[in-house]
C-alpha cells in the first residue's frame, strides 16, 4: 500500500457529481481486497492498483447538472453500479446484478481527495455528521433486510452476529420497536449489542440456545431470525433456533418449516435505499463506528500487489504473496 499523488477528476462529466470525501469506513471486504482474496476468488485480473473506500461521507464540490444538490452539501454514496439491463436490474433488484461494479473495488473509491460518481448514487444527508454518514451504506444492509422481513413493533427477532452489520441490525430493529436477542461469542460485542438496545444477549450451545429462545418466546420460537455473521460454524445453532434438530441437513431447505411456515430470504449486498423515505426503520445517528479520516493523506491511498501466480488460477494451486507496506513520498503530508 502506498500514499501517492493521483490525477484529480477534470470538469464534471454529464450526469456525474464530483465530491470531496470526508470520512471513509473500512469494511471487512476491504481487508479481503487488500489480502488478494477478492481478486483470487473472482478470477479478475484488473483489481490492482486500486484506491479503496466504498463507505463514504463526502461534501459536494461540483454538483454538475444535479438540481437536488448544491456545493457544500454532505452526502452519502451508494457505491454499487449495476448494468441496468439484466433481469435483476429490470426487475428492480439492482443489488443482485451479476455484472455490477463497485466503487472502491472495481473502480477507484473514496480514499482520495476528490471522487467523481454518477449523480443518482449521491444522497444528501442534511446535518448528519461525517462518521454517521460513512455508516449509511453498511447500515442500509440491515435496514433493507428488516424492511423485507416486515418486522413490526413488539415482534421478537434473533440476530446472529454482533459485528458492524449485526449491531446495525440490532439497533434498527430496536428503533422499530422490536424485541431483540443478539447471539455472539465475543463478550465485548454482546455488551455493545445490549447498549444498542438488545433485550437479551447470549452465547450458548445449540441445545441451550434452543431452550433459552423457546423460553423467551413462550414456546412459539422467534418469528424472525437474521443471520449477519456469515460463519458456517454457527449453522447448527441457527438450525436449532429455526426448529431443526441436529440430524437436519447441513443446508436449510427452501420449502420452509412446517411449524413456523419458514421463509428463507437472502440479502446480498446493499439496496438502493439511501434516499429518505425508502429506508425504514430509521437509524439513530448515535450509532458511531470507526472510520478512516480521508483528509489525513495527500492524494490517494492505492493498493499495489505483487503476486507469485495469477489470481485467475484455482485457489488450491495459487499462493498469493502480498507486501502490504505503507510508504509516503518525501515532502507529502
Protein backbone atom coordinates (compact mmCIF):
# COMPACT_ATOMS: atom_id res chain seq x y z
CA UNK A 1 0.00 0.00 0.00
CA UNK A 2 1.31 3.43 -0.89
CA UNK A 3 0.22 7.03 -0.44
CA UNK A 4 0.80 8.97 -3.61
CA UNK A 5 -0.47 11.77 -5.82
CA UNK A 6 -3.24 10.70 -8.16
CA UNK A 7 -4.92 12.57 -11.01
CA UNK A 8 -7.90 14.63 -9.95
CA UNK A 9 -11.10 14.48 -11.99
CA UNK A 10 -11.36 17.20 -14.61
CA UNK A 11 -14.53 19.13 -15.35
CA UNK A 12 -17.51 17.12 -14.16
CA UNK A 13 -18.97 14.95 -16.88
CA UNK A 14 -22.64 14.93 -17.81
CA UNK A 15 -24.73 13.03 -15.28
CA UNK A 16 -21.95 12.94 -12.68
CA UNK A 17 -21.06 14.73 -9.45
CA UNK A 18 -17.62 15.50 -8.01
CA UNK A 19 -17.36 15.10 -4.23
CA UNK A 20 -14.61 15.57 -1.62
CA UNK A 21 -14.57 12.59 0.78
CA UNK A 22 -14.51 13.47 4.49
CA UNK A 23 -14.64 10.06 6.19
CA UNK A 24 -14.34 6.55 4.78
CA UNK A 25 -15.28 3.39 6.66
CA UNK A 26 -13.10 0.30 6.50
CA UNK A 27 -15.24 -2.72 5.59
CA UNK A 28 -14.37 -6.39 6.00
CA UNK A 29 -14.36 -6.69 2.22
CA UNK A 30 -11.63 -4.03 2.13
CA UNK A 31 -9.38 -6.38 4.09
CA UNK A 32 -10.19 -9.19 1.65
CA UNK A 33 -9.32 -6.94 -1.28
CA UNK A 34 -6.09 -5.88 0.44
CA UNK A 35 -5.11 -9.52 1.07
CA UNK A 36 -5.91 -10.50 -2.52
CA UNK A 37 -8.82 -12.80 -1.66
CA UNK A 38 -11.45 -10.84 -3.60
CA UNK A 39 -9.47 -10.89 -6.83
CA UNK A 40 -8.44 -14.51 -6.40
CA UNK A 41 -11.98 -15.75 -5.78
CA UNK A 42 -13.46 -13.73 -8.64
CA UNK A 43 -10.82 -14.66 -11.19
CA UNK A 44 -10.37 -10.98 -12.09
CA UNK A 45 -7.02 -9.58 -13.11
CA UNK A 46 -7.83 -5.88 -13.10
CA UNK A 47 -8.42 -5.12 -9.41
CA UNK A 48 -4.97 -3.60 -8.82
CA UNK A 49 -3.73 -0.98 -8.43
CA UNK A 50 -6.87 0.30 -6.73
CA UNK A 51 -7.92 3.15 -4.46
CA UNK A 52 -10.26 1.61 -1.90
CA UNK A 53 -13.22 3.05 0.01
CA UNK A 54 -16.92 2.42 -0.60
CA UNK A 55 -18.37 3.55 2.76
CA UNK A 56 -18.07 7.25 2.06
CA UNK A 57 -19.13 10.53 3.62
CA UNK A 58 -18.35 13.45 1.32
CA UNK A 59 -19.06 17.09 0.53
CA UNK A 60 -20.32 18.06 -2.91
CA UNK A 61 -17.66 20.04 -4.75
CA UNK A 62 -19.27 20.21 -8.19
CA UNK A 63 -22.92 19.12 -8.49
CA UNK A 64 -22.85 19.30 -12.28
CA UNK A 65 -26.39 19.04 -13.62
CA UNK A 66 -27.84 17.61 -10.38
CA UNK A 67 -30.56 20.03 -9.32
CA UNK A 68 -31.18 18.36 -5.94
CA UNK A 69 -27.60 19.02 -4.79
CA UNK A 70 -25.53 22.13 -4.24
CA UNK A 71 -21.89 22.77 -3.47
CA UNK A 72 -21.08 22.03 0.18
CA UNK A 73 -23.89 19.52 0.76
CA UNK A 74 -22.87 16.49 2.81
CA UNK A 75 -23.78 13.27 1.04
CA UNK A 76 -23.69 9.52 1.35
CA UNK A 77 -22.83 7.43 -1.69
CA UNK A 78 -24.45 4.26 -2.98
CA UNK A 79 -21.32 2.53 -4.33
CA UNK A 80 -22.99 -0.13 -6.46
CA UNK A 81 -23.13 0.49 -10.22
CA UNK A 82 -25.47 -2.09 -11.80
CA UNK A 83 -25.53 -2.84 -15.51
CA UNK A 84 -29.17 -1.75 -15.86
CA UNK A 85 -30.05 -4.35 -18.50
CA UNK A 86 -30.00 -7.80 -16.83
CA UNK A 87 -33.11 -9.47 -15.38
CA UNK A 88 -32.47 -8.41 -11.72
CA UNK A 89 -31.96 -4.80 -12.85
CA UNK A 90 -35.13 -4.89 -14.97
CA UNK A 91 -37.00 -6.40 -12.02
CA UNK A 92 -35.93 -3.58 -9.70
CA UNK A 93 -33.29 -5.59 -7.82
CA UNK A 94 -30.03 -3.97 -8.95
CA UNK A 95 -28.26 -5.08 -5.77
CA UNK A 96 -28.10 -8.63 -7.19
CA UNK A 97 -26.95 -7.59 -10.66
CA UNK A 98 -24.45 -10.24 -11.85
CA UNK A 99 -22.44 -7.64 -13.79
CA UNK A 100 -22.26 -4.95 -11.10
CA UNK A 101 -19.25 -2.73 -10.49
CA UNK A 102 -18.42 -1.43 -7.03
CA UNK A 103 -16.76 1.90 -6.26
CA UNK A 104 -13.64 1.12 -4.25
CA UNK A 105 -13.35 -2.43 -5.65
CA UNK A 106 -13.75 -2.40 -9.43
CA UNK A 107 -13.37 1.40 -9.66
CA UNK A 108 -11.29 3.79 -7.57
CA UNK A 109 -13.03 4.73 -4.34
CA UNK A 110 -13.16 7.25 -1.54
CA UNK A 111 -9.62 7.20 -0.11
CA UNK A 112 -8.66 10.17 -2.24
CA UNK A 113 -9.29 13.88 -2.07
CA UNK A 114 -11.80 14.04 -4.94
CA UNK A 115 -14.12 11.45 -6.41
CA UNK A 116 -16.44 11.56 -9.43
CA UNK A 117 -19.55 9.39 -9.24
CA UNK A 118 -22.92 9.22 -11.05
CA UNK A 119 -25.42 11.73 -9.66
CA UNK A 120 -28.13 9.09 -8.96
CA UNK A 121 -25.78 7.40 -6.46
CA UNK A 122 -25.38 10.52 -4.30
CA UNK A 123 -27.84 11.31 -1.50
CA UNK A 124 -27.96 14.36 0.74
CA UNK A 125 -27.98 13.62 4.49
CA UNK A 126 -28.78 17.05 5.91
CA UNK A 127 -26.91 17.78 9.13
CA UNK A 128 -25.80 14.19 9.76
CA UNK A 129 -22.16 14.12 10.92
CA UNK A 130 -19.38 12.59 8.75
CA UNK A 131 -18.88 9.40 10.81
CA UNK A 132 -22.58 8.54 10.78
CA UNK A 133 -22.82 9.40 7.08
CA UNK A 134 -19.99 6.97 6.28
CA UNK A 135 -22.02 4.30 8.07
CA UNK A 136 -25.15 4.88 5.97
CA UNK A 137 -24.02 2.34 3.35
CA UNK A 138 -23.42 -0.64 5.72
CA UNK A 139 -26.47 0.33 7.82
CA UNK A 140 -28.62 0.15 4.68
CA UNK A 141 -27.93 -3.61 4.55
CA UNK A 142 -29.57 -4.04 7.95
CA UNK A 143 -32.42 -1.63 7.26
CA UNK A 144 -33.32 -3.29 3.98
CA UNK A 145 -33.21 -6.79 5.48
CA UNK A 146 -35.64 -5.75 8.22
CA UNK A 147 -37.89 -3.99 5.72
CA UNK A 148 -38.09 -7.17 3.63
CA UNK A 149 -38.91 -9.14 6.79
CA UNK A 150 -41.84 -6.80 7.54
CA UNK A 151 -40.69 -6.51 11.14
CA UNK A 152 -43.27 -4.77 13.30
CA UNK A 153 -43.25 -3.15 16.75
CA UNK A 154 -43.33 -5.65 19.62
CA UNK A 155 -42.20 -8.58 17.46
CA UNK A 156 -39.29 -10.72 18.57
CA UNK A 157 -36.18 -11.18 16.44
CA UNK A 158 -32.95 -13.09 16.88
CA UNK A 159 -29.81 -11.57 15.34
CA UNK A 160 -26.85 -13.88 14.81
CA UNK A 161 -23.62 -11.89 14.92
CA UNK A 162 -22.67 -8.63 16.62
CA UNK A 163 -20.18 -7.25 14.13
CA UNK A 164 -20.96 -3.93 12.42
CA UNK A 165 -23.84 -5.37 10.35
CA UNK A 166 -25.25 -7.36 13.25
CA UNK A 167 -25.09 -4.35 15.57
CA UNK A 168 -26.73 -2.17 12.92
CA UNK A 169 -29.48 -4.80 12.62
CA UNK A 170 -29.92 -4.87 16.39
CA UNK A 171 -30.09 -1.08 16.51
CA UNK A 172 -32.51 -0.76 13.57
CA UNK A 173 -34.80 -3.46 14.94
CA UNK A 174 -34.96 -1.93 18.41
CA UNK A 175 -35.52 1.53 16.92
CA UNK A 176 -38.53 -0.01 15.13
CA UNK A 177 -39.89 -1.20 18.47
CA UNK A 178 -38.91 -4.87 18.11
CA UNK A 179 -37.57 -7.06 20.91
CA UNK A 180 -34.15 -8.44 20.02
CA UNK A 181 -31.88 -11.22 21.22
CA UNK A 182 -28.36 -10.92 19.81
CA UNK A 183 -26.15 -14.02 19.64
CA UNK A 184 -22.37 -13.64 19.52
CA UNK A 185 -19.39 -15.42 21.14
CA UNK A 186 -17.47 -12.22 21.95
CA UNK A 187 -18.42 -10.69 25.34
CA UNK A 188 -17.47 -7.13 24.32
CA UNK A 189 -19.70 -7.34 21.28
CA UNK A 190 -22.56 -8.68 23.34
CA UNK A 191 -22.12 -5.75 25.73
CA UNK A 192 -22.32 -3.31 22.83
CA UNK A 193 -25.44 -5.02 21.47
CA UNK A 194 -27.02 -4.60 24.89
CA UNK A 195 -26.03 -0.94 24.89
CA UNK A 196 -27.69 -0.51 21.49
CA UNK A 197 -30.99 -1.86 22.73
CA UNK A 198 -30.93 -5.68 22.63
CA UNK A 199 -33.32 -7.12 25.19
CA UNK A 200 -31.11 -10.19 25.58
CA UNK A 201 -27.59 -11.11 24.54
CA UNK A 202 -26.31 -14.64 24.67
CA UNK A 203 -23.89 -17.30 23.52
CA UNK A 204 -24.69 -20.91 24.32
CA UNK A 205 -24.55 -24.43 22.95
CA UNK A 206 -27.13 -25.22 20.27
CA UNK A 207 -29.32 -27.15 22.70
CA UNK A 208 -29.13 -24.50 25.43
CA UNK A 209 -29.75 -21.71 22.93
CA UNK A 210 -32.82 -23.52 21.63
CA UNK A 211 -34.21 -23.85 25.17
CA UNK A 212 -33.37 -20.24 26.01
CA UNK A 213 -35.14 -18.85 22.96
CA UNK A 214 -38.14 -21.14 23.37
CA UNK A 215 -38.48 -19.76 26.87
CA UNK A 216 -38.04 -16.17 25.64
CA UNK A 217 -40.80 -16.60 23.06
CA UNK A 218 -43.14 -18.54 25.38
CA UNK A 219 -42.67 -21.68 23.31
CA UNK A 220 -43.53 -20.14 19.95
CA UNK A 221 -40.00 -19.69 18.66
CA UNK A 222 -38.76 -16.42 17.13
CA UNK A 223 -40.74 -15.25 14.08
CA UNK A 224 -37.65 -13.62 12.61
CA UNK A 225 -34.02 -14.78 12.56
CA UNK A 226 -31.41 -12.54 10.92
CA UNK A 227 -28.02 -14.09 10.13
CA UNK A 228 -25.27 -11.47 9.82
CA UNK A 229 -22.10 -13.34 10.78
CA UNK A 230 -21.52 -15.45 7.67
CA UNK A 231 -19.89 -18.09 9.88
CA UNK A 232 -20.79 -21.64 8.90
CA UNK A 233 -19.61 -22.83 12.33
CA UNK A 234 -22.77 -21.46 13.96
CA UNK A 235 -25.05 -23.13 11.44
CA UNK A 236 -26.16 -25.77 13.95
CA UNK A 237 -27.27 -23.05 16.35
CA UNK A 238 -29.30 -21.42 13.59
CA UNK A 239 -30.99 -24.70 12.69
CA UNK A 240 -31.95 -25.25 16.31
CA UNK A 241 -33.45 -21.77 16.53
CA UNK A 242 -35.44 -22.37 13.34
CA UNK A 243 -36.81 -25.63 14.70
CA UNK A 244 -34.45 -28.14 13.05
CA UNK A 245 -32.77 -30.85 15.08
CA UNK A 246 -29.05 -31.83 14.86
CA UNK A 247 -29.85 -34.56 12.35
CA UNK A 248 -31.10 -31.94 9.92
CA UNK A 249 -29.31 -31.48 6.60
CA UNK A 250 -26.34 -29.14 6.56
CA UNK A 251 -28.18 -26.71 4.31
CA UNK A 252 -31.60 -25.46 5.32
CA UNK A 253 -34.34 -26.48 2.87
CA UNK A 254 -36.01 -23.73 0.94
CA UNK A 255 -39.55 -25.05 1.10
CA UNK A 256 -39.98 -23.84 4.66
CA UNK A 257 -40.51 -25.25 8.10
CA UNK A 258 -43.96 -26.71 8.71
CA UNK A 259 -44.13 -25.45 12.24
CA UNK A 260 -43.22 -21.83 11.58
CA UNK A 261 -44.01 -21.60 7.84
CA UNK A 262 -40.35 -20.66 7.48
CA UNK A 263 -39.35 -18.38 4.63
CA UNK A 264 -35.68 -18.03 3.79
CA UNK A 265 -34.82 -14.63 2.34
CA UNK A 266 -31.27 -13.91 1.30
CA UNK A 267 -29.84 -10.39 1.43
CA UNK A 268 -27.00 -9.73 -0.98
CA UNK A 269 -25.07 -6.50 -0.71
CA UNK A 270 -26.91 -3.26 -0.04
CA UNK A 271 -30.10 -1.95 -1.60
CA UNK A 272 -30.65 1.34 -3.35
CA UNK A 273 -32.29 2.72 -0.21
CA UNK A 274 -30.19 5.65 0.98
CA UNK A 275 -32.83 8.10 -0.23
CA UNK A 276 -35.00 9.43 2.62
CA UNK A 277 -38.38 7.72 2.66
CA UNK A 278 -37.06 4.45 1.27
CA UNK A 279 -35.26 3.31 4.41
CA UNK A 280 -37.24 2.04 7.35
CA UNK A 281 -36.98 1.82 10.24
CA UNK A 282 -34.83 4.92 10.81
CA UNK A 283 -31.42 4.60 12.40
CA UNK A 284 -30.32 6.72 15.31
CA UNK A 285 -27.29 8.81 14.40
CA UNK A 286 -25.68 7.95 17.75
CA UNK A 287 -24.51 4.65 16.24
CA UNK A 288 -20.93 5.64 15.55
CA UNK A 289 -18.40 3.20 14.13
CA UNK A 290 -14.67 3.72 13.44
CA UNK A 291 -13.87 5.39 10.14
CA UNK A 292 -10.72 6.42 8.32
CA UNK A 293 -10.24 10.19 8.04
CA UNK A 294 -9.73 10.78 4.33
CA UNK A 295 -8.11 14.17 4.89
CA UNK A 296 -5.17 12.59 6.72
CA UNK A 297 -3.48 11.75 3.42
CA UNK A 298 -2.49 13.82 0.43
CA UNK A 299 -3.64 12.46 -2.90
CA UNK A 300 -4.94 8.89 -2.68
CA UNK A 301 -4.23 5.60 -0.95
CA UNK A 302 -3.56 2.98 -3.56
CA UNK A 303 -3.04 -0.75 -3.13
CA UNK A 304 -0.40 -2.44 -5.25
CA UNK A 305 0.14 -6.18 -5.17
CA UNK A 306 2.99 -8.40 -6.24
CA UNK A 307 1.83 -11.94 -6.87
CA UNK A 308 3.75 -15.11 -7.50
CA UNK A 309 0.97 -16.53 -9.66
CA UNK A 310 -2.06 -15.15 -11.45
CA UNK A 311 -5.24 -14.62 -9.47
CA UNK A 312 -7.22 -16.46 -12.16
CA UNK A 313 -5.78 -19.84 -11.16
CA UNK A 314 -7.63 -22.30 -8.95
CA UNK A 315 -7.46 -21.32 -5.30
CA UNK A 316 -5.79 -24.59 -4.37
CA UNK A 317 -2.98 -24.07 -6.88
CA UNK A 318 -2.04 -20.49 -6.13
CA UNK A 319 -0.40 -18.77 -3.25
CA UNK A 320 -0.81 -15.04 -3.13
CA UNK A 321 2.09 -13.13 -1.62
CA UNK A 322 1.41 -9.56 -0.65
CA UNK A 323 3.73 -6.83 0.52
CA UNK A 324 1.42 -4.50 2.43
CA UNK A 325 3.95 -1.77 3.03
CA UNK A 326 2.66 1.74 3.58
CA UNK A 327 5.08 4.28 2.12
CA UNK A 328 4.95 8.00 1.55
CA UNK A 329 6.76 10.14 -0.96
CA UNK A 330 9.15 12.69 0.52
CA UNK A 331 7.51 16.05 1.08
CA UNK A 332 3.98 14.70 1.34
CA UNK A 333 1.95 15.40 4.45
